[in-house]
Amino acid sequence: MRDRPLTAWLMVLPAAAVFAFYITYPLVHTVVLSAYSWSALNPVRTWKGLGNYADLMQDPVLLTALKNNALWILLSLAIQLPLAMLLAVGIGSSLRRHRVLRTVFFSPLIVPAVAVGLIWTLFYDPNFGALNALIEQLGLENLTAGWLGDPQLATPCIITVSCWRYTGFHMMILLAGLQAIPEEIYEAARIDGAGAWRTFWHVTLPLMKRIVLVDALLITVGSVKIFDLIWVMTGGGPNHASEVLATYMYRSAFSDDRMGYAAAIATVMLALTMLATIIYVRLTGREEAAG
């Protein structure tokens, strides 16, 4: 009996070692590097302390990136989560046998992000893109725009693409939660005379709160670290209008050769991700206490 804790630790040790080497060490090392000023061409590090963070506080591009990340979080939660729930409820109930629909909704995630970005860039093209052509065919020429070239529209356009790509993934997560709810609960609700809306609001949603919170956390973290679609479609432009933390970090590191500054941006991303995780843990803790 006394050897059981030691055996458990020995079984966990390989996974813990891999986690420490590939996750914990890079995170800590990035935070340490953010206190230095250095570049790839001149790897001699100069101690800067909190100087990089002081520069970040005065950087207007960082403020734009933070605003865009906040917009990504808000719009992604407002669009992806309700739409994914609607699709999950539809497929999980009356369309239970329609597995083809699950494949159709999930398939955008399978397509590589670079291919998705290039296809949608062509779709948004103001000269020969399908979107402006469709608007003109409908007789709404006044609504045509430059889309990705418009500083006001670039970020919402890319968020639309992201929602199209990831909603099916979140649908599958919520669908798994829906299928875990016992059918007897729904039968009891029907016997009590509850309609479809009341059943969803008073039965399905309360039992799905934990899954919804997990999915909301995934959407939030994904919105903080979004990079690929933005870099392919606009590169953070025009004039940094669609810049987010990840693209600005990449630009600072590999275009401007400011490795310490990029590490500071990465640390800010880490802090935001940890903040979202802490909020999730607090909410689930309150849920358990209420239960």
Protein backbone atom coordinates (compact mmCIF):
# COMPACT_ATOMS: atom_id res chain seq x y z
CA MET A 1 0.00 0.00 0.00
CA ARG A 2 2.85 2.38 0.79
CA ASP A 3 4.34 1.90 -2.68
CA ARG A 4 1.20 3.02 -4.51
CA PRO A 5 1.95 6.80 -4.43
CA LEU A 6 5.48 6.16 -5.68
CA THR A 7 4.17 3.91 -8.45
CA ALA A 8 1.65 6.55 -9.46
CA TRP A 9 4.35 9.22 -9.63
CA LEU A 10 6.60 6.96 -11.70
CA MET A 11 3.77 6.35 -14.18
CA VAL A 12 3.09 10.08 -14.48
CA LEU A 13 6.78 11.02 -14.71
CA PRO A 14 7.28 10.46 -18.50
CA ALA A 15 4.28 12.60 -19.42
CA ALA A 16 5.28 15.24 -16.86
CA ALA A 17 8.81 15.33 -18.27
CA VAL A 18 7.54 15.81 -21.82
CA PHE A 19 5.14 18.53 -20.65
CA ALA A 20 7.89 20.32 -18.74
CA PHE A 21 10.33 20.17 -21.67
CA TYR A 22 7.95 21.21 -24.44
CA ILE A 23 5.50 23.45 -22.56
CA THR A 24 6.73 24.72 -19.20
CA TYR A 25 10.35 25.45 -20.15
CA PRO A 26 9.49 27.41 -23.34
CA LEU A 27 6.92 29.47 -21.43
CA VAL A 28 9.33 30.35 -18.64
CA HIS A 29 12.15 30.96 -21.10
CA THR A 30 9.95 33.34 -23.13
CA VAL A 31 9.12 35.35 -20.01
CA VAL A 32 12.84 35.56 -19.17
CA LEU A 33 13.75 36.65 -22.72
CA SER A 34 11.18 39.45 -22.54
CA ALA A 35 13.44 41.18 -20.02
CA TYR A 36 16.25 41.51 -22.59
CA SER A 37 16.90 43.47 -25.75
CA TRP A 38 18.41 41.25 -28.42
CA SER A 39 18.10 40.20 -32.05
CA ALA A 40 18.80 37.15 -34.18
CA LEU A 41 21.55 38.98 -36.04
CA ASN A 42 23.19 40.14 -32.82
CA PRO A 43 22.37 37.51 -30.19
CA VAL A 44 24.20 39.37 -27.41
CA ARG A 45 21.47 40.09 -24.87
CA THR A 46 21.20 43.42 -23.11
CA TRP A 47 19.30 43.52 -19.84
CA LYS A 48 16.27 45.77 -20.15
CA GLY A 49 14.12 44.69 -17.22
CA LEU A 50 10.59 45.94 -17.74
CA GLY A 51 11.71 48.22 -20.56
CA ASN A 52 10.02 46.14 -23.26
CA TYR A 53 6.74 46.29 -21.37
CA ALA A 54 7.13 50.05 -20.93
CA ASP A 55 7.57 50.34 -24.69
CA LEU A 56 4.48 48.18 -25.21
CA MET A 57 2.41 50.54 -23.09
CA GLN A 58 3.29 53.39 -25.47
CA ASP A 59 2.96 51.38 -28.69
CA PRO A 60 -0.16 52.38 -30.70
CA VAL A 61 0.07 49.22 -32.81
CA LEU A 62 -0.17 47.07 -29.67
CA LEU A 63 -3.29 48.99 -28.63
CA THR A 64 -4.81 48.28 -32.04
CA ALA A 65 -3.87 44.61 -31.73
CA LEU A 66 -5.48 44.39 -28.28
CA LYS A 67 -8.66 46.01 -29.56
CA ASN A 68 -8.78 43.62 -32.50
CA ASN A 69 -8.24 40.61 -30.23
CA ALA A 70 -11.08 41.85 -28.01
CA LEU A 71 -13.27 42.19 -31.11
CA TRP A 72 -12.30 38.66 -32.15
CA ILE A 73 -13.33 37.30 -28.74
CA LEU A 74 -16.65 39.14 -28.61
CA LEU A 75 -17.77 38.41 -32.16
CA SER A 76 -16.55 34.81 -32.11
CA LEU A 77 -18.46 34.12 -28.89
CA ALA A 78 -21.55 35.95 -30.16
CA ILE A 79 -21.60 34.11 -33.49
CA GLN A 80 -19.93 30.74 -33.11
CA LEU A 81 -21.38 29.65 -29.77
CA PRO A 82 -25.11 30.26 -30.49
CA LEU A 83 -24.82 28.99 -34.07
CA ALA A 84 -22.94 25.88 -32.96
CA MET A 85 -25.60 25.22 -30.31
CA LEU A 86 -28.37 25.66 -32.87
CA LEU A 87 -26.72 23.22 -35.27
CA ALA A 88 -26.00 20.73 -32.48
CA VAL A 89 -29.60 20.76 -31.25
CA GLY A 90 -30.92 20.36 -34.80
CA ILE A 91 -28.60 17.52 -35.74
CA GLY A 92 -28.88 15.88 -32.33
CA SER A 93 -32.65 15.66 -32.40
CA SER A 94 -34.74 15.62 -35.57
CA LEU A 95 -31.74 15.16 -37.87
CA ARG A 96 -30.07 12.48 -35.81
CA ARG A 97 -29.57 10.13 -38.78
CA HIS A 98 -28.21 12.77 -41.13
CA ARG A 99 -24.52 12.09 -40.63
CA VAL A 100 -23.79 13.76 -43.95
CA LEU A 101 -24.75 17.11 -42.42
CA ARG A 102 -22.27 16.61 -39.60
CA THR A 103 -19.55 16.00 -42.16
CA VAL A 104 -20.59 19.05 -44.18
CA PHE A 105 -20.56 21.37 -41.17
CA PHE A 106 -17.28 19.97 -39.84
CA SER A 107 -15.46 19.84 -43.20
CA PRO A 108 -14.24 23.48 -43.27
CA LEU A 109 -11.93 22.68 -40.36
CA ILE A 110 -10.26 19.94 -42.39
CA VAL A 111 -9.24 22.34 -45.16
CA PRO A 112 -5.79 23.86 -44.44
CA ALA A 113 -5.95 27.40 -43.09
CA VAL A 114 -3.71 28.72 -45.87
CA ALA A 115 -6.05 27.33 -48.53
CA VAL A 116 -9.07 28.78 -46.72
CA GLY A 117 -7.40 32.18 -46.48
CA LEU A 118 -6.45 32.24 -50.17
CA ILE A 119 -9.91 31.16 -51.32
CA TRP A 120 -11.67 33.76 -49.20
CA THR A 121 -9.18 36.43 -50.25
CA LEU A 122 -10.24 35.81 -53.84
CA PHE A 123 -13.88 35.86 -52.73
CA TYR A 124 -13.39 39.31 -51.13
CA ASP A 125 -11.33 40.74 -54.00
CA PRO A 126 -12.90 44.11 -54.93
CA ASN A 127 -12.15 43.83 -58.67
CA PHE A 128 -13.00 40.27 -59.68
CA GLY A 129 -14.18 38.70 -56.42
CA ALA A 130 -17.46 36.82 -56.18
CA LEU A 131 -18.83 38.92 -53.31
CA ASN A 132 -18.89 42.25 -55.14
CA ALA A 133 -20.10 40.48 -58.29
CA LEU A 134 -23.02 38.98 -56.35
CA ILE A 135 -23.89 42.33 -54.79
CA GLU A 136 -23.88 43.96 -58.24
CA GLN A 137 -26.10 41.22 -59.64
CA LEU A 138 -28.60 41.98 -56.88
CA GLY A 139 -28.62 45.62 -57.93
CA LEU A 140 -26.95 46.83 -54.73
CA GLU A 141 -23.88 48.47 -56.25
CA ASN A 142 -23.76 50.99 -53.41
CA LEU A 143 -22.90 48.18 -50.99
CA THR A 144 -19.76 47.05 -52.82
CA ALA A 145 -16.55 47.71 -50.93
CA GLY A 146 -12.85 47.06 -50.80
CA TRP A 147 -13.46 44.55 -47.97
CA LEU A 148 -9.98 43.39 -46.93
CA GLY A 149 -8.49 46.69 -48.12
CA ASP A 150 -10.87 48.71 -45.94
CA PRO A 151 -9.48 49.35 -42.42
CA GLN A 152 -13.00 49.26 -40.97
CA LEU A 153 -14.04 46.02 -42.69
CA ALA A 154 -10.86 43.94 -42.77
CA THR A 155 -11.13 42.49 -39.27
CA PRO A 156 -14.90 41.70 -39.41
CA CYS A 157 -14.36 40.03 -42.80
CA ILE A 158 -11.67 37.73 -41.42
CA ILE A 159 -13.75 36.98 -38.32
CA THR A 160 -16.56 35.89 -40.65
CA VAL A 161 -14.18 33.44 -42.31
CA SER A 162 -13.05 32.15 -38.91
CA CYS A 163 -16.66 31.61 -37.81
CA TRP A 164 -17.38 29.72 -41.04
CA ARG A 165 -14.34 27.52 -40.45
CA TYR A 166 -14.69 26.74 -36.74
CA THR A 167 -18.44 26.67 -36.06
CA GLY A 168 -18.65 23.03 -37.15
CA PHE A 169 -15.90 22.10 -34.71
CA HIS A 170 -17.72 23.72 -31.81
CA MET A 171 -20.94 22.10 -33.00
CA MET A 172 -19.33 18.67 -32.55
CA ILE A 173 -18.22 19.56 -29.01
CA LEU A 174 -21.70 20.67 -28.03
CA LEU A 175 -23.24 17.70 -29.82
CA ALA A 176 -21.16 15.35 -27.68
CA GLY A 177 -22.51 17.09 -24.58
CA LEU A 178 -26.09 16.86 -25.83
CA GLN A 179 -25.80 13.15 -26.52
CA ALA A 180 -24.59 12.60 -22.95
CA ILE A 181 -27.90 13.87 -21.52
CA PRO A 182 -30.14 10.88 -20.63
CA GLU A 183 -33.24 10.56 -22.77
CA GLU A 184 -35.31 9.89 -19.64
CA ILE A 185 -34.93 13.54 -18.62
CA TYR A 186 -36.50 14.69 -21.87
CA GLU A 187 -39.29 12.14 -21.50
CA ALA A 188 -40.04 13.47 -18.03
CA ALA A 189 -40.14 17.03 -19.39
CA ARG A 190 -42.58 15.98 -22.14
CA ILE A 191 -44.79 14.22 -19.61
CA ASP A 192 -44.86 17.46 -17.57
CA GLY A 193 -46.08 19.30 -20.68
CA ALA A 194 -42.91 21.24 -21.46
CA GLY A 195 -42.61 22.39 -25.05
CA ALA A 196 -39.46 22.40 -27.15
CA TRP A 197 -38.35 25.89 -26.06
CA ARG A 198 -39.01 25.33 -22.35
CA THR A 199 -37.24 21.97 -22.52
CA PHE A 200 -34.23 23.57 -24.13
CA TRP A 201 -34.15 26.51 -21.70
CA HIS A 202 -34.87 24.65 -18.45
CA VAL A 203 -33.40 21.22 -19.18
CA THR A 204 -30.82 21.26 -21.95
CA LEU A 205 -29.00 24.50 -21.13
CA PRO A 206 -28.61 23.85 -17.36
CA LEU A 207 -27.20 20.40 -18.08
CA MET A 208 -24.93 21.80 -20.79
CA LYS A 209 -23.44 24.68 -18.79
CA ARG A 210 -20.13 22.94 -18.17
CA ILE A 211 -19.70 22.02 -21.84
CA VAL A 212 -20.72 25.51 -22.96
CA LEU A 213 -18.15 27.05 -20.62
CA VAL A 214 -15.44 24.75 -21.96
CA ASP A 215 -16.39 25.64 -25.51
CA ALA A 216 -16.43 29.35 -24.67
CA LEU A 217 -12.95 28.98 -23.20
CA LEU A 218 -11.73 27.30 -26.39
CA ILE A 219 -13.20 30.11 -28.50
CA THR A 220 -11.62 32.76 -26.26
CA VAL A 221 -8.17 31.17 -26.26
CA GLY A 222 -8.38 30.59 -30.01
CA SER A 223 -9.28 34.25 -30.53
CA VAL A 224 -6.29 35.38 -28.46
CA LYS A 225 -3.80 33.29 -30.44
CA ILE A 226 -5.37 33.62 -33.91
CA PHE A 227 -2.68 34.05 -36.55
CA ASP A 228 -2.91 31.98 -39.73
CA LEU A 229 -6.03 33.40 -41.40
CA ILE A 230 -5.01 37.00 -40.69
CA TRP A 231 -1.47 36.52 -41.94
CA VAL A 232 -2.63 34.86 -45.16
CA MET A 233 -5.48 37.27 -45.92
CA THR A 234 -4.15 40.68 -44.89
CA GLY A 235 -0.80 40.25 -43.14
CA GLY A 236 -2.18 42.49 -40.40
CA GLY A 237 -2.95 45.32 -42.81
CA PRO A 238 -4.00 47.62 -44.19
CA ASN A 239 -1.74 49.84 -42.08
CA HIS A 240 -2.01 47.48 -39.05
CA ALA A 241 -5.83 47.74 -39.13
CA SER A 242 -6.30 43.96 -38.74
CA GLU A 243 -3.23 43.40 -36.58
CA VAL A 244 -3.60 41.09 -33.58
CA LEU A 245 -1.13 40.09 -30.89
CA ALA A 246 0.10 36.97 -32.70
CA THR A 247 0.74 38.71 -36.02
CA TYR A 248 2.41 41.65 -34.28
CA MET A 249 4.60 39.27 -32.30
CA TYR A 250 5.64 37.49 -35.50
CA ARG A 251 6.32 40.78 -37.27
CA SER A 252 8.36 42.12 -34.36
CA ALA A 253 10.46 38.95 -34.19
CA PHE A 254 11.09 38.07 -37.82
CA SER A 255 10.54 41.32 -39.72
CA ASP A 256 11.78 43.93 -37.25
CA ASP A 257 14.28 41.55 -35.56
CA ARG A 258 13.22 42.62 -32.06
CA MET A 259 13.24 39.28 -30.30
CA GLY A 260 12.95 40.63 -26.76
CA TYR A 261 10.03 42.84 -27.75
CA ALA A 262 8.32 39.88 -29.43
CA ALA A 263 8.85 37.83 -26.26
CA ALA A 264 7.12 40.57 -24.29
CA ILE A 265 4.13 40.41 -26.65
CA ALA A 266 4.07 36.63 -26.26
CA THR A 267 4.05 37.09 -22.48
CA VAL A 268 1.05 39.40 -22.79
CA MET A 269 -0.72 36.69 -24.82
CA LEU A 270 0.15 34.17 -22.10
CA ALA A 271 -1.28 36.46 -19.43
CA LEU A 272 -4.54 36.92 -21.35
CA THR A 273 -4.86 33.18 -21.87
CA MET A 274 -4.25 32.50 -18.18
CA LEU A 275 -6.82 35.18 -17.27
CA ALA A 276 -9.43 33.47 -19.45
CA THR A 277 -8.59 30.12 -17.85
CA ILE A 278 -8.87 31.55 -14.33
CA ILE A 279 -12.28 33.03 -15.17
CA TYR A 280 -13.39 29.65 -16.49
CA VAL A 281 -12.18 27.85 -13.35
CA ARG A 282 -14.01 30.37 -11.16
CA LEU A 283 -17.22 29.96 -13.12
CA THR A 284 -17.08 26.17 -13.01
CA GLY A 285 -16.28 26.35 -9.29
CA ARG A 286 -19.39 28.42 -8.68
CA GLU A 287 -21.38 25.95 -10.79
CA GLU A 288 -20.19 23.05 -8.64
CA ALA A 289 -20.95 24.95 -5.45
CA ALA A 290 -24.44 25.79 -6.70
CA GLY A 291 -24.96 22.16 -7.70
